[in-house]
Amino acid sequence: MLRKFVFFIALCIIVLAGSCQNIKKDEASITTDGHDVNLVTRHESELITAYFSSGCFWCVEAIYESIKGVEEAISGYSGGRETNPTYQSIGSHAETVKVIYDPEVISFEQLVKAYYGSQDPTTIGQNPDFGVHYRSILYYQNDEEKKLLENHKANINKSGQYSKPVITEIIQFDKFWEAEEIHQNYERLHPDQTYVRAVSTPRLEKFKNRFPELLKTSK
């Protein structure tokens, strides 16, 4: 009973906070080790980038970091019109994750499979974060990717998997703005933060249970 009560209080705090956008401004002063571009160990010419938006980037980054072949995942903003967006002034952009991956280990199509399998693509945002800043967007960088994304979306809609149509946007990639350091690797560096415990970690664990074949092996 005590555990249920504590979880109930945590959920109430999340509702009052509204979403992960309500991180306290003074939290930006917290020192973290953040992401490190040196983690990208493979030669740059051997790696490919892809961009995904599907709710809070804390959650999305953690999911892609768990996938084999992904060298690094970086939180940021994309899909909007404004220049130099920030967490407090995101404008029309959506929270987005840049995924740097090795195509010899994981394919773009598999990353898209993980994308759809880790969210509800029929809603504008993911519970408890709804609205344009959390909308579902897939970005293509060439005609081959565009065709793959359009076919994948069409097949999901035809499958009847969802009672509502998939509303994921498919747009040409333009610009990615890297988020503030505090947001990099947030789920891993702040495991006891209320939102992370109640939303990010359960979403990550649900993904891992559903797609064990896509996960990195433990060293």
N, C-alpha and C. Protein backbone atom coordinates (compact mmCIF):
# COMPACT_ATOMS: atom_id res chain seq x y z
N MET A 1 0.83 -1.21 0.00
CA MET A 1 0.00 0.00 0.00
C MET A 1 0.86 1.26 0.00
N LEU A 2 1.96 1.23 0.76
CA LEU A 2 2.84 2.41 0.82
C LEU A 2 3.43 2.71 -0.55
N ARG A 3 3.83 1.65 -1.26
CA ARG A 3 4.41 1.86 -2.60
C ARG A 3 3.39 2.47 -3.54
N LYS A 4 2.15 2.00 -3.48
CA LYS A 4 1.10 2.55 -4.34
C LYS A 4 0.84 4.01 -4.00
N PHE A 5 0.88 4.33 -2.70
CA PHE A 5 0.65 5.71 -2.28
C PHE A 5 1.74 6.63 -2.80
N VAL A 6 3.00 6.17 -2.69
CA VAL A 6 4.13 6.99 -3.16
C VAL A 6 4.03 7.22 -4.66
N PHE A 7 3.66 6.16 -5.41
CA PHE A 7 3.52 6.31 -6.87
C PHE A 7 2.39 7.27 -7.22
N PHE A 8 1.27 7.20 -6.42
CA PHE A 8 0.15 8.11 -6.65
C PHE A 8 0.58 9.55 -6.45
N ILE A 9 1.35 9.82 -5.38
CA ILE A 9 1.84 11.18 -5.12
C ILE A 9 2.73 11.64 -6.26
N ALA A 10 3.59 10.74 -6.79
CA ALA A 10 4.48 11.09 -7.89
C ALA A 10 3.69 11.47 -9.12
N LEU A 11 2.60 10.73 -9.40
CA LEU A 11 1.78 11.05 -10.57
C LEU A 11 1.07 12.39 -10.38
N CYS A 12 0.65 12.67 -9.17
CA CYS A 12 0.00 13.96 -8.91
C CYS A 12 0.97 15.10 -9.17
N ILE A 13 2.21 14.92 -8.80
CA ILE A 13 3.22 15.95 -9.02
C ILE A 13 3.41 16.19 -10.51
N ILE A 14 3.40 15.09 -11.30
CA ILE A 14 3.57 15.21 -12.75
C ILE A 14 2.41 15.99 -13.36
N VAL A 15 1.19 15.67 -12.90
CA VAL A 15 0.01 16.38 -13.42
C VAL A 15 0.12 17.86 -13.13
N LEU A 16 0.53 18.18 -11.91
CA LEU A 16 0.67 19.59 -11.53
C LEU A 16 1.78 20.26 -12.33
N ALA A 17 2.83 19.50 -12.60
CA ALA A 17 3.94 20.07 -13.37
C ALA A 17 3.56 20.24 -14.82
N GLY A 18 2.66 19.40 -15.33
CA GLY A 18 2.18 19.54 -16.69
C GLY A 18 2.91 18.65 -17.66
N SER A 19 4.21 18.70 -17.68
CA SER A 19 4.99 17.93 -18.63
C SER A 19 6.45 18.11 -18.33
N CYS A 20 7.29 17.44 -19.15
CA CYS A 20 8.72 17.59 -18.93
C CYS A 20 9.19 18.98 -19.34
N GLN A 21 8.34 19.78 -19.99
CA GLN A 21 8.70 21.15 -20.33
C GLN A 21 8.76 22.03 -19.08
N ASN A 22 8.21 21.54 -17.96
CA ASN A 22 8.16 22.35 -16.76
C ASN A 22 9.34 22.13 -15.83
N ILE A 23 10.46 21.64 -16.35
CA ILE A 23 11.67 21.52 -15.53
C ILE A 23 12.00 22.90 -14.97
N LYS A 24 12.39 22.96 -13.71
CA LYS A 24 12.67 24.24 -13.08
C LYS A 24 13.82 24.94 -13.77
N LYS A 25 13.69 26.23 -13.94
CA LYS A 25 14.72 27.00 -14.63
C LYS A 25 16.06 26.90 -13.92
N ASP A 26 16.04 26.86 -12.56
CA ASP A 26 17.30 26.82 -11.86
C ASP A 26 17.99 25.47 -11.98
N GLU A 27 17.26 24.47 -12.54
CA GLU A 27 17.87 23.17 -12.73
C GLU A 27 18.90 23.22 -13.84
N ALA A 28 18.83 24.26 -14.66
CA ALA A 28 19.79 24.40 -15.76
C ALA A 28 21.20 24.61 -15.24
N SER A 29 21.32 24.97 -13.95
CA SER A 29 22.65 25.20 -13.38
C SER A 29 23.30 23.92 -12.90
N ILE A 30 22.53 22.79 -12.94
CA ILE A 30 23.08 21.52 -12.49
C ILE A 30 24.19 21.07 -13.42
N THR A 31 25.29 20.64 -12.86
CA THR A 31 26.41 20.17 -13.66
C THR A 31 26.23 18.69 -13.97
N THR A 32 26.34 18.32 -15.25
CA THR A 32 26.27 16.92 -15.66
C THR A 32 27.40 16.65 -16.61
N ASP A 33 27.65 15.35 -16.84
CA ASP A 33 28.68 15.04 -17.80
C ASP A 33 28.15 15.10 -19.22
N GLY A 34 26.80 15.17 -19.36
CA GLY A 34 26.19 15.37 -20.66
C GLY A 34 26.59 14.31 -21.66
N HIS A 35 26.39 14.63 -22.95
CA HIS A 35 26.84 13.72 -23.98
C HIS A 35 28.24 14.12 -24.37
N ASP A 36 28.92 13.23 -25.00
CA ASP A 36 30.31 13.49 -25.36
C ASP A 36 30.51 13.05 -26.80
N VAL A 37 30.86 14.00 -27.66
CA VAL A 37 31.03 13.65 -29.07
C VAL A 37 32.12 12.62 -29.24
N ASN A 38 33.01 12.47 -28.26
CA ASN A 38 34.07 11.48 -28.36
C ASN A 38 33.54 10.06 -28.22
N LEU A 39 32.27 9.93 -27.80
CA LEU A 39 31.68 8.61 -27.72
C LEU A 39 31.47 8.02 -29.11
N VAL A 40 31.44 8.88 -30.12
CA VAL A 40 31.30 8.41 -31.49
C VAL A 40 32.66 7.88 -31.92
N THR A 41 32.87 6.60 -31.73
CA THR A 41 34.20 6.02 -31.91
C THR A 41 34.48 5.59 -33.34
N ARG A 42 33.44 5.31 -34.10
CA ARG A 42 33.66 4.90 -35.47
C ARG A 42 34.06 6.09 -36.33
N HIS A 43 34.74 5.81 -37.44
CA HIS A 43 35.12 6.89 -38.35
C HIS A 43 33.86 7.56 -38.86
N GLU A 44 33.88 8.87 -38.93
CA GLU A 44 32.69 9.65 -39.30
C GLU A 44 32.07 9.19 -40.60
N SER A 45 32.88 8.82 -41.58
CA SER A 45 32.36 8.43 -42.88
C SER A 45 31.59 7.11 -42.84
N GLU A 46 31.75 6.34 -41.76
CA GLU A 46 31.07 5.05 -41.63
C GLU A 46 29.72 5.17 -40.93
N LEU A 47 29.42 6.35 -40.38
CA LEU A 47 28.20 6.55 -39.61
C LEU A 47 27.18 7.38 -40.37
N ILE A 48 25.93 7.19 -40.01
CA ILE A 48 24.81 7.90 -40.64
C ILE A 48 23.97 8.53 -39.54
N THR A 49 23.31 9.63 -39.86
CA THR A 49 22.43 10.29 -38.89
C THR A 49 20.97 10.17 -39.31
N ALA A 50 20.10 10.11 -38.34
CA ALA A 50 18.66 10.11 -38.56
C ALA A 50 18.03 10.93 -37.45
N TYR A 51 16.81 11.43 -37.69
CA TYR A 51 16.18 12.34 -36.74
C TYR A 51 14.75 11.88 -36.46
N PHE A 52 14.38 11.89 -35.17
CA PHE A 52 13.08 11.37 -34.75
C PHE A 52 12.44 12.27 -33.68
N SER A 53 11.16 12.53 -33.84
CA SER A 53 10.37 13.27 -32.84
C SER A 53 9.19 12.41 -32.44
N SER A 54 9.05 12.16 -31.14
CA SER A 54 7.89 11.39 -30.67
C SER A 54 7.70 11.59 -29.17
N GLY A 55 7.41 12.83 -28.79
CA GLY A 55 7.20 13.12 -27.38
C GLY A 55 8.44 13.71 -26.74
N CYS A 56 8.52 13.59 -25.43
CA CYS A 56 9.63 14.15 -24.67
C CYS A 56 10.96 13.57 -25.12
N PHE A 57 11.93 14.43 -25.44
CA PHE A 57 13.20 13.90 -25.95
C PHE A 57 14.01 13.16 -24.89
N TRP A 58 13.73 13.36 -23.62
CA TRP A 58 14.40 12.55 -22.60
C TRP A 58 14.10 11.07 -22.83
N CYS A 59 12.83 10.78 -23.13
CA CYS A 59 12.40 9.40 -23.35
C CYS A 59 12.96 8.85 -24.65
N VAL A 60 12.83 9.62 -25.71
CA VAL A 60 13.24 9.16 -27.05
C VAL A 60 14.74 8.91 -27.10
N GLU A 61 15.52 9.81 -26.50
CA GLU A 61 16.97 9.64 -26.48
C GLU A 61 17.35 8.35 -25.77
N ALA A 62 16.73 8.08 -24.63
CA ALA A 62 17.04 6.87 -23.86
C ALA A 62 16.72 5.61 -24.66
N ILE A 63 15.63 5.64 -25.39
CA ILE A 63 15.24 4.48 -26.20
C ILE A 63 16.28 4.20 -27.28
N TYR A 64 16.67 5.23 -28.01
CA TYR A 64 17.63 5.01 -29.09
C TYR A 64 19.03 4.69 -28.57
N GLU A 65 19.38 5.20 -27.41
CA GLU A 65 20.67 4.87 -26.82
C GLU A 65 20.76 3.38 -26.49
N SER A 66 19.62 2.73 -26.30
CA SER A 66 19.61 1.32 -25.92
C SER A 66 19.71 0.39 -27.13
N ILE A 67 19.64 0.93 -28.34
CA ILE A 67 19.60 0.11 -29.55
C ILE A 67 21.00 -0.19 -30.08
N LYS A 68 21.23 -1.41 -30.45
CA LYS A 68 22.52 -1.82 -31.00
C LYS A 68 22.83 -1.02 -32.26
N GLY A 69 24.10 -0.68 -32.45
CA GLY A 69 24.50 0.06 -33.63
C GLY A 69 24.37 1.56 -33.50
N VAL A 70 23.69 2.03 -32.45
CA VAL A 70 23.56 3.47 -32.23
C VAL A 70 24.78 3.93 -31.43
N GLU A 71 25.57 4.79 -32.05
CA GLU A 71 26.78 5.29 -31.40
C GLU A 71 26.47 6.43 -30.43
N GLU A 72 25.47 7.24 -30.77
CA GLU A 72 25.11 8.37 -29.91
C GLU A 72 23.72 8.87 -30.29
N ALA A 73 22.99 9.37 -29.29
CA ALA A 73 21.70 10.01 -29.50
C ALA A 73 21.76 11.36 -28.78
N ILE A 74 21.36 12.41 -29.47
CA ILE A 74 21.49 13.77 -28.95
C ILE A 74 20.13 14.47 -28.99
N SER A 75 19.73 15.04 -27.88
CA SER A 75 18.45 15.74 -27.80
C SER A 75 18.56 17.14 -28.39
N GLY A 76 17.48 17.57 -29.03
CA GLY A 76 17.47 18.90 -29.62
C GLY A 76 16.09 19.28 -30.14
N TYR A 77 16.09 20.17 -31.11
CA TYR A 77 14.85 20.72 -31.64
C TYR A 77 14.91 20.74 -33.16
N SER A 78 13.76 20.44 -33.80
CA SER A 78 13.71 20.48 -35.26
C SER A 78 12.24 20.55 -35.70
N GLY A 79 12.05 20.75 -36.99
CA GLY A 79 10.70 20.75 -37.55
C GLY A 79 9.97 22.06 -37.48
N GLY A 80 10.64 23.14 -37.01
CA GLY A 80 9.98 24.44 -36.90
C GLY A 80 10.61 25.50 -37.78
N ARG A 81 10.19 26.73 -37.57
CA ARG A 81 10.63 27.84 -38.42
C ARG A 81 11.69 28.72 -37.75
N GLU A 82 11.67 28.81 -36.44
CA GLU A 82 12.53 29.76 -35.74
C GLU A 82 14.00 29.30 -35.73
N THR A 83 14.89 30.28 -35.61
CA THR A 83 16.31 29.97 -35.46
C THR A 83 16.68 30.00 -33.98
N ASN A 84 17.66 29.19 -33.64
CA ASN A 84 18.17 29.13 -32.27
C ASN A 84 17.09 28.91 -31.21
N PRO A 85 16.26 27.88 -31.38
CA PRO A 85 15.25 27.60 -30.35
C PRO A 85 15.92 27.13 -29.06
N THR A 86 15.24 27.33 -27.95
CA THR A 86 15.72 26.86 -26.65
C THR A 86 14.60 26.10 -25.96
N TYR A 87 14.92 25.48 -24.85
CA TYR A 87 13.92 24.73 -24.09
C TYR A 87 12.80 25.64 -23.61
N GLN A 88 13.15 26.86 -23.23
CA GLN A 88 12.15 27.80 -22.74
C GLN A 88 11.48 28.57 -23.86
N SER A 89 12.06 28.54 -25.06
CA SER A 89 11.50 29.26 -26.21
C SER A 89 11.65 28.38 -27.44
N ILE A 90 10.85 27.34 -27.49
CA ILE A 90 10.99 26.32 -28.53
C ILE A 90 10.28 26.69 -29.83
N GLY A 91 9.33 27.63 -29.75
CA GLY A 91 8.63 28.07 -30.94
C GLY A 91 7.80 26.97 -31.56
N SER A 92 7.91 26.81 -32.89
CA SER A 92 7.12 25.80 -33.60
C SER A 92 7.87 24.49 -33.77
N HIS A 93 9.05 24.39 -33.17
CA HIS A 93 9.83 23.16 -33.28
C HIS A 93 9.25 22.06 -32.39
N ALA A 94 9.66 20.84 -32.66
CA ALA A 94 9.32 19.70 -31.82
C ALA A 94 10.58 19.19 -31.16
N GLU A 95 10.44 18.66 -29.96
CA GLU A 95 11.58 18.02 -29.32
C GLU A 95 12.00 16.84 -30.19
N THR A 96 13.27 16.81 -30.54
CA THR A 96 13.77 15.86 -31.55
C THR A 96 15.06 15.23 -31.07
N VAL A 97 15.32 14.02 -31.53
CA VAL A 97 16.56 13.33 -31.18
C VAL A 97 17.34 13.00 -32.46
N LYS A 98 18.59 13.40 -32.46
CA LYS A 98 19.52 13.07 -33.55
C LYS A 98 20.18 11.74 -33.20
N VAL A 99 20.05 10.77 -34.08
CA VAL A 99 20.60 9.44 -33.85
C VAL A 99 21.76 9.20 -34.81
N ILE A 100 22.91 8.92 -34.25
CA ILE A 100 24.11 8.63 -35.04
C ILE A 100 24.33 7.12 -34.97
N TYR A 101 24.27 6.44 -36.11
CA TYR A 101 24.29 4.99 -36.07
C TYR A 101 25.18 4.37 -37.15
N ASP A 102 25.51 3.12 -36.92
CA ASP A 102 26.33 2.35 -37.83
C ASP A 102 25.41 1.49 -38.70
N PRO A 103 25.30 1.78 -40.01
CA PRO A 103 24.38 1.03 -40.88
C PRO A 103 24.80 -0.42 -41.09
N GLU A 104 26.02 -0.77 -40.68
CA GLU A 104 26.45 -2.16 -40.76
C GLU A 104 25.86 -2.99 -39.63
N VAL A 105 25.36 -2.31 -38.60
CA VAL A 105 24.81 -3.00 -37.44
C VAL A 105 23.29 -2.86 -37.37
N ILE A 106 22.80 -1.68 -37.63
CA ILE A 106 21.36 -1.40 -37.55
C ILE A 106 20.96 -0.60 -38.78
N SER A 107 19.81 -0.90 -39.34
CA SER A 107 19.36 -0.21 -40.55
C SER A 107 18.40 0.93 -40.21
N PHE A 108 18.24 1.83 -41.15
CA PHE A 108 17.29 2.92 -40.99
C PHE A 108 15.88 2.36 -40.80
N GLU A 109 15.56 1.31 -41.54
CA GLU A 109 14.24 0.69 -41.43
C GLU A 109 14.00 0.13 -40.03
N GLN A 110 15.03 -0.46 -39.43
CA GLN A 110 14.89 -0.98 -38.07
C GLN A 110 14.70 0.14 -37.06
N LEU A 111 15.37 1.27 -37.30
CA LEU A 111 15.21 2.43 -36.41
C LEU A 111 13.78 2.98 -36.51
N VAL A 112 13.22 2.92 -37.71
CA VAL A 112 11.83 3.36 -37.91
C VAL A 112 10.87 2.39 -37.21
N LYS A 113 11.19 1.10 -37.28
CA LYS A 113 10.39 0.09 -36.58
C LYS A 113 10.39 0.39 -35.08
N ALA A 114 11.56 0.72 -34.55
CA ALA A 114 11.67 1.07 -33.13
C ALA A 114 10.88 2.34 -32.83
N TYR A 115 10.91 3.27 -33.75
CA TYR A 115 10.19 4.54 -33.59
C TYR A 115 8.70 4.30 -33.38
N TYR A 116 8.09 3.56 -34.30
CA TYR A 116 6.66 3.31 -34.19
C TYR A 116 6.32 2.41 -33.01
N GLY A 117 7.24 1.51 -32.69
CA GLY A 117 6.98 0.57 -31.61
C GLY A 117 7.15 1.12 -30.22
N SER A 118 7.60 2.37 -30.13
CA SER A 118 7.84 2.97 -28.81
C SER A 118 6.92 4.15 -28.53
N GLN A 119 5.82 4.26 -29.25
CA GLN A 119 4.92 5.39 -29.06
C GLN A 119 3.53 5.06 -29.59
N ASP A 120 2.59 5.97 -29.38
CA ASP A 120 1.29 5.92 -30.02
C ASP A 120 1.31 6.98 -31.12
N PRO A 121 1.41 6.60 -32.40
CA PRO A 121 1.54 7.56 -33.49
C PRO A 121 0.22 8.17 -33.95
N THR A 122 -0.84 7.95 -33.18
CA THR A 122 -2.15 8.50 -33.56
C THR A 122 -2.51 9.74 -32.73
N THR A 123 -1.59 10.16 -31.87
CA THR A 123 -1.86 11.31 -31.01
C THR A 123 -0.81 12.40 -31.19
N ILE A 124 -1.17 13.64 -30.92
CA ILE A 124 -0.22 14.75 -31.02
C ILE A 124 0.51 14.85 -29.69
N GLY A 125 1.53 14.03 -29.54
CA GLY A 125 2.26 13.94 -28.29
C GLY A 125 2.10 12.57 -27.67
N GLN A 126 2.82 12.35 -26.56
CA GLN A 126 2.75 11.09 -25.84
C GLN A 126 2.43 11.40 -24.38
N ASN A 127 1.54 10.63 -23.83
CA ASN A 127 1.10 10.85 -22.45
C ASN A 127 2.31 10.91 -21.49
N PRO A 128 2.40 11.93 -20.64
CA PRO A 128 1.44 13.00 -20.37
C PRO A 128 1.74 14.29 -21.13
N ASP A 129 2.58 14.23 -22.18
CA ASP A 129 3.01 15.43 -22.92
C ASP A 129 2.30 15.53 -24.26
N PHE A 130 1.40 16.48 -24.37
CA PHE A 130 0.66 16.65 -25.61
C PHE A 130 0.83 18.06 -26.15
N GLY A 131 0.72 18.20 -27.46
CA GLY A 131 0.87 19.51 -28.10
C GLY A 131 1.92 19.47 -29.20
N VAL A 132 2.04 20.57 -29.91
CA VAL A 132 2.90 20.62 -31.10
C VAL A 132 4.37 20.36 -30.77
N HIS A 133 4.81 20.70 -29.57
CA HIS A 133 6.22 20.50 -29.21
C HIS A 133 6.56 19.02 -29.05
N TYR A 134 5.52 18.19 -28.95
CA TYR A 134 5.73 16.76 -28.74
C TYR A 134 5.17 15.93 -29.88
N ARG A 135 4.86 16.55 -31.00
CA ARG A 135 4.23 15.84 -32.10
C ARG A 135 5.16 14.79 -32.72
N SER A 136 4.54 13.85 -33.40
CA SER A 136 5.26 12.74 -34.01
C SER A 136 5.72 13.13 -35.41
N ILE A 137 7.07 13.15 -35.60
CA ILE A 137 7.63 13.54 -36.89
C ILE A 137 8.76 12.59 -37.28
N LEU A 138 8.75 12.17 -38.55
CA LEU A 138 9.85 11.43 -39.14
C LEU A 138 10.48 12.31 -40.21
N TYR A 139 11.79 12.40 -40.19
CA TYR A 139 12.51 13.27 -41.12
C TYR A 139 13.26 12.43 -42.16
N TYR A 140 13.13 12.79 -43.42
CA TYR A 140 13.89 12.10 -44.47
C TYR A 140 14.95 13.02 -45.02
N GLN A 141 16.06 12.43 -45.48
CA GLN A 141 17.18 13.20 -46.01
C GLN A 141 17.48 12.87 -47.47
N ASN A 142 16.74 11.92 -48.02
CA ASN A 142 16.88 11.58 -49.44
C ASN A 142 15.60 10.90 -49.90
N ASP A 143 15.49 10.68 -51.20
CA ASP A 143 14.27 10.09 -51.77
C ASP A 143 14.04 8.67 -51.29
N GLU A 144 15.11 7.92 -51.08
CA GLU A 144 14.97 6.55 -50.62
C GLU A 144 14.35 6.49 -49.23
N GLU A 145 14.82 7.37 -48.33
CA GLU A 145 14.24 7.41 -47.00
C GLU A 145 12.79 7.87 -47.04
N LYS A 146 12.50 8.85 -47.88
CA LYS A 146 11.13 9.34 -48.00
C LYS A 146 10.18 8.23 -48.42
N LYS A 147 10.57 7.47 -49.42
CA LYS A 147 9.73 6.38 -49.91
C LYS A 147 9.52 5.33 -48.83
N LEU A 148 10.60 4.98 -48.12
CA LEU A 148 10.49 3.99 -47.06
C LEU A 148 9.53 4.46 -45.97
N LEU A 149 9.65 5.73 -45.57
CA LEU A 149 8.80 6.27 -44.51
C LEU A 149 7.33 6.31 -44.94
N GLU A 150 7.08 6.72 -46.17
CA GLU A 150 5.70 6.79 -46.66
C GLU A 150 5.08 5.40 -46.76
N ASN A 151 5.85 4.43 -47.24
CA ASN A 151 5.34 3.06 -47.35
C ASN A 151 5.08 2.45 -45.98
N HIS A 152 5.98 2.72 -45.04
CA HIS A 152 5.82 2.16 -43.69
C HIS A 152 4.56 2.72 -43.03
N LYS A 153 4.36 4.01 -43.15
CA LYS A 153 3.17 4.63 -42.57
C LYS A 153 1.90 4.09 -43.21
N ALA A 154 1.91 3.96 -44.54
CA ALA A 154 0.74 3.45 -45.26
C ALA A 154 0.43 2.01 -44.84
N ASN A 155 1.46 1.20 -44.67
CA ASN A 155 1.25 -0.20 -44.27
C ASN A 155 0.67 -0.30 -42.87
N ILE A 156 1.12 0.57 -41.97
CA ILE A 156 0.57 0.55 -40.61
C ILE A 156 -0.91 0.93 -40.63
N ASN A 157 -1.25 1.94 -41.41
CA ASN A 157 -2.65 2.36 -41.50
C ASN A 157 -3.52 1.25 -42.10
N LYS A 158 -2.99 0.53 -43.08
CA LYS A 158 -3.74 -0.54 -43.72
C LYS A 158 -3.90 -1.76 -42.81
N SER A 159 -2.96 -1.93 -41.89
CA SER A 159 -2.96 -3.11 -41.04
C SER A 159 -4.12 -3.14 -40.04
N GLY A 160 -4.68 -1.97 -39.74
CA GLY A 160 -5.74 -1.91 -38.74
C GLY A 160 -5.21 -2.03 -37.33
N GLN A 161 -3.91 -1.83 -37.16
CA GLN A 161 -3.30 -1.92 -35.83
C GLN A 161 -3.88 -0.91 -34.86
N TYR A 162 -4.25 0.25 -35.41
CA TYR A 162 -4.83 1.31 -34.58
C TYR A 162 -6.25 1.62 -35.04
N SER A 163 -7.07 2.02 -34.09
CA SER A 163 -8.46 2.37 -34.42
C SER A 163 -8.54 3.76 -35.05
N LYS A 164 -7.47 4.55 -34.86
CA LYS A 164 -7.39 5.88 -35.45
C LYS A 164 -6.23 5.94 -36.43
N PRO A 165 -6.27 6.86 -37.39
CA PRO A 165 -5.17 6.93 -38.38
C PRO A 165 -3.86 7.42 -37.76
N VAL A 166 -2.76 6.95 -38.32
CA VAL A 166 -1.44 7.42 -37.90
C VAL A 166 -1.27 8.85 -38.40
N ILE A 167 -0.90 9.76 -37.50
CA ILE A 167 -0.78 11.17 -37.88
C ILE A 167 0.67 11.64 -37.88
N THR A 168 1.60 10.70 -37.85
CA THR A 168 3.02 11.05 -37.90
C THR A 168 3.31 11.88 -39.15
N GLU A 169 3.95 13.02 -38.96
CA GLU A 169 4.36 13.85 -40.09
C GLU A 169 5.62 13.26 -40.73
N ILE A 170 5.70 13.34 -42.04
CA ILE A 170 6.90 12.93 -42.76
C ILE A 170 7.39 14.16 -43.52
N ILE A 171 8.49 14.73 -43.07
CA ILE A 171 8.96 15.98 -43.66
C ILE A 171 10.45 15.89 -43.98
N GLN A 172 10.88 16.73 -44.89
CA GLN A 172 12.30 16.76 -45.27
C GLN A 172 13.10 17.43 -44.16
N PHE A 173 14.19 16.78 -43.78
CA PHE A 173 15.03 17.34 -42.74
C PHE A 173 15.66 18.65 -43.20
N ASP A 174 15.67 19.64 -42.31
CA ASP A 174 16.25 20.93 -42.63
C ASP A 174 17.38 21.27 -41.67
N LYS A 175 17.04 21.45 -40.39
CA LYS A 175 18.02 21.91 -39.42
C LYS A 175 17.76 21.28 -38.06
N PHE A 176 18.83 20.89 -37.39
CA PHE A 176 18.73 20.36 -36.04
C PHE A 176 19.46 21.30 -35.10
N TRP A 177 18.77 21.72 -34.05
CA TRP A 177 19.37 22.60 -33.05
C TRP A 177 19.59 21.79 -31.78
N GLU A 178 20.83 21.63 -31.38
CA GLU A 178 21.15 20.82 -30.21
C GLU A 178 20.62 21.49 -28.93
N ALA A 179 20.01 20.68 -28.08
CA ALA A 179 19.44 21.18 -26.83
C ALA A 179 20.54 21.49 -25.82
N GLU A 180 20.16 22.20 -24.78
CA GLU A 180 21.06 22.58 -23.71
C GLU A 180 21.66 21.33 -23.06
N GLU A 181 22.85 21.49 -22.50
CA GLU A 181 23.59 20.36 -21.93
C GLU A 181 22.81 19.61 -20.86
N ILE A 182 21.99 20.32 -20.08
CA ILE A 182 21.23 19.68 -19.01
C ILE A 182 20.32 18.58 -19.53
N HIS A 183 19.91 18.66 -20.80
CA HIS A 183 18.96 17.70 -21.36
C HIS A 183 19.62 16.47 -21.98
N GLN A 184 20.92 16.50 -22.14
CA GLN A 184 21.60 15.36 -22.75
C GLN A 184 21.74 14.22 -21.74
N ASN A 185 21.36 13.01 -22.19
CA ASN A 185 21.41 11.83 -21.33
C ASN A 185 20.62 12.03 -20.04
N TYR A 186 19.53 12.75 -20.12
CA TYR A 186 18.80 13.13 -18.91
C TYR A 186 18.25 11.92 -18.16
N GLU A 187 17.70 10.97 -18.89
CA GLU A 187 17.12 9.81 -18.22
C GLU A 187 18.19 9.01 -17.47
N ARG A 188 19.36 8.87 -18.07
CA ARG A 188 20.43 8.10 -17.43
C ARG A 188 21.04 8.84 -16.24
N LEU A 189 21.17 10.16 -16.36
CA LEU A 189 21.84 10.93 -15.32
C LEU A 189 20.92 11.34 -14.16
N HIS A 190 19.61 11.25 -14.39
CA HIS A 190 18.66 11.65 -13.34
C HIS A 190 17.61 10.54 -13.12
N PRO A 191 18.04 9.34 -12.77
CA PRO A 191 17.10 8.21 -12.64
C PRO A 191 16.06 8.40 -11.55
N ASP A 192 16.32 9.27 -10.57
CA ASP A 192 15.37 9.46 -9.48
C ASP A 192 14.47 10.67 -9.64
N GLN A 193 14.65 11.39 -10.74
CA GLN A 193 13.78 12.55 -11.00
C GLN A 193 12.34 12.04 -11.20
N THR A 194 11.37 12.76 -10.66
CA THR A 194 9.99 12.29 -10.64
C THR A 194 9.46 11.91 -12.01
N TYR A 195 9.63 12.78 -13.00
CA TYR A 195 9.13 12.50 -14.35
C TYR A 195 9.84 11.28 -14.93
N VAL A 196 11.13 11.18 -14.74
CA VAL A 196 11.89 10.05 -15.27
C VAL A 196 11.38 8.74 -14.69
N ARG A 197 11.17 8.71 -13.38
CA ARG A 197 10.72 7.48 -12.73
C ARG A 197 9.31 7.08 -13.17
N ALA A 198 8.45 8.06 -13.37
CA ALA A 198 7.05 7.76 -13.67
C ALA A 198 6.76 7.63 -15.16
N VAL A 199 7.58 8.26 -16.02
CA VAL A 199 7.28 8.27 -17.45
C VAL A 199 8.42 7.71 -18.30
N SER A 200 9.62 8.31 -18.19
CA SER A 200 10.72 7.93 -19.08
C SER A 200 11.15 6.48 -18.91
N THR A 201 11.42 6.08 -17.66
CA THR A 201 11.89 4.72 -17.42
C THR A 201 10.86 3.67 -17.80
N PRO A 202 9.57 3.82 -17.43
CA PRO A 202 8.58 2.84 -17.86
C PRO A 202 8.46 2.75 -19.38
N ARG A 203 8.56 3.88 -20.07
CA ARG A 203 8.49 3.85 -21.53
C ARG A 203 9.69 3.10 -22.11
N LEU A 204 10.87 3.32 -21.55
CA LEU A 204 12.07 2.63 -22.00
C LEU A 204 11.96 1.13 -21.74
N GLU A 205 11.52 0.75 -20.55
CA GLU A 205 11.41 -0.67 -20.22
C GLU A 205 10.37 -1.37 -21.08
N LYS A 206 9.29 -0.68 -21.39
CA LYS A 206 8.26 -1.25 -22.27
C LYS A 206 8.84 -1.52 -23.65
N PHE A 207 9.66 -0.58 -24.16
CA PHE A 207 10.30 -0.77 -25.45
C PHE A 207 11.26 -1.96 -25.41
N LYS A 208 12.07 -2.05 -24.37
CA LYS A 208 13.04 -3.14 -24.25
C LYS A 208 12.35 -4.50 -24.22
N ASN A 209 11.25 -4.59 -23.52
CA ASN A 209 10.52 -5.85 -23.44
C ASN A 209 9.90 -6.23 -24.78
N ARG A 210 9.56 -5.23 -25.56
CA ARG A 210 8.91 -5.49 -26.85
C ARG A 210 9.91 -5.83 -27.95
N PHE A 211 11.12 -5.24 -27.88
CA PHE A 211 12.09 -5.43 -28.96
C PHE A 211 13.46 -5.88 -28.42
N PRO A 212 13.53 -7.01 -27.77
CA PRO A 212 14.82 -7.46 -27.24
C PRO A 212 15.87 -7.69 -28.32
N GLU A 213 15.42 -8.01 -29.52
CA GLU A 213 16.36 -8.27 -30.62
C GLU A 213 17.08 -7.02 -31.11
N LEU A 214 16.59 -5.84 -30.74
CA LEU A 214 17.21 -4.59 -31.18
C LEU A 214 18.18 -4.01 -30.15
N LEU A 215 18.24 -4.62 -29.01
CA LEU A 215 19.01 -4.02 -27.90
C LEU A 215 20.50 -4.33 -27.96
N LYS A 216 21.27 -3.42 -27.40
CA LYS A 216 22.70 -3.64 -27.23
C LYS A 216 22.90 -4.77 -26.22
N THR A 217 23.95 -5.55 -26.43
CA THR A 217 24.25 -6.62 -25.49
C THR A 217 25.07 -6.06 -24.34
N SER A 218 24.84 -6.58 -23.15
CA SER A 218 25.58 -6.11 -21.98
C SER A 218 27.02 -6.57 -22.06
N LYS A 219 27.95 -5.68 -21.65
CA LYS A 219 29.36 -6.02 -21.68
C LYS A 219 29.74 -6.76 -20.40
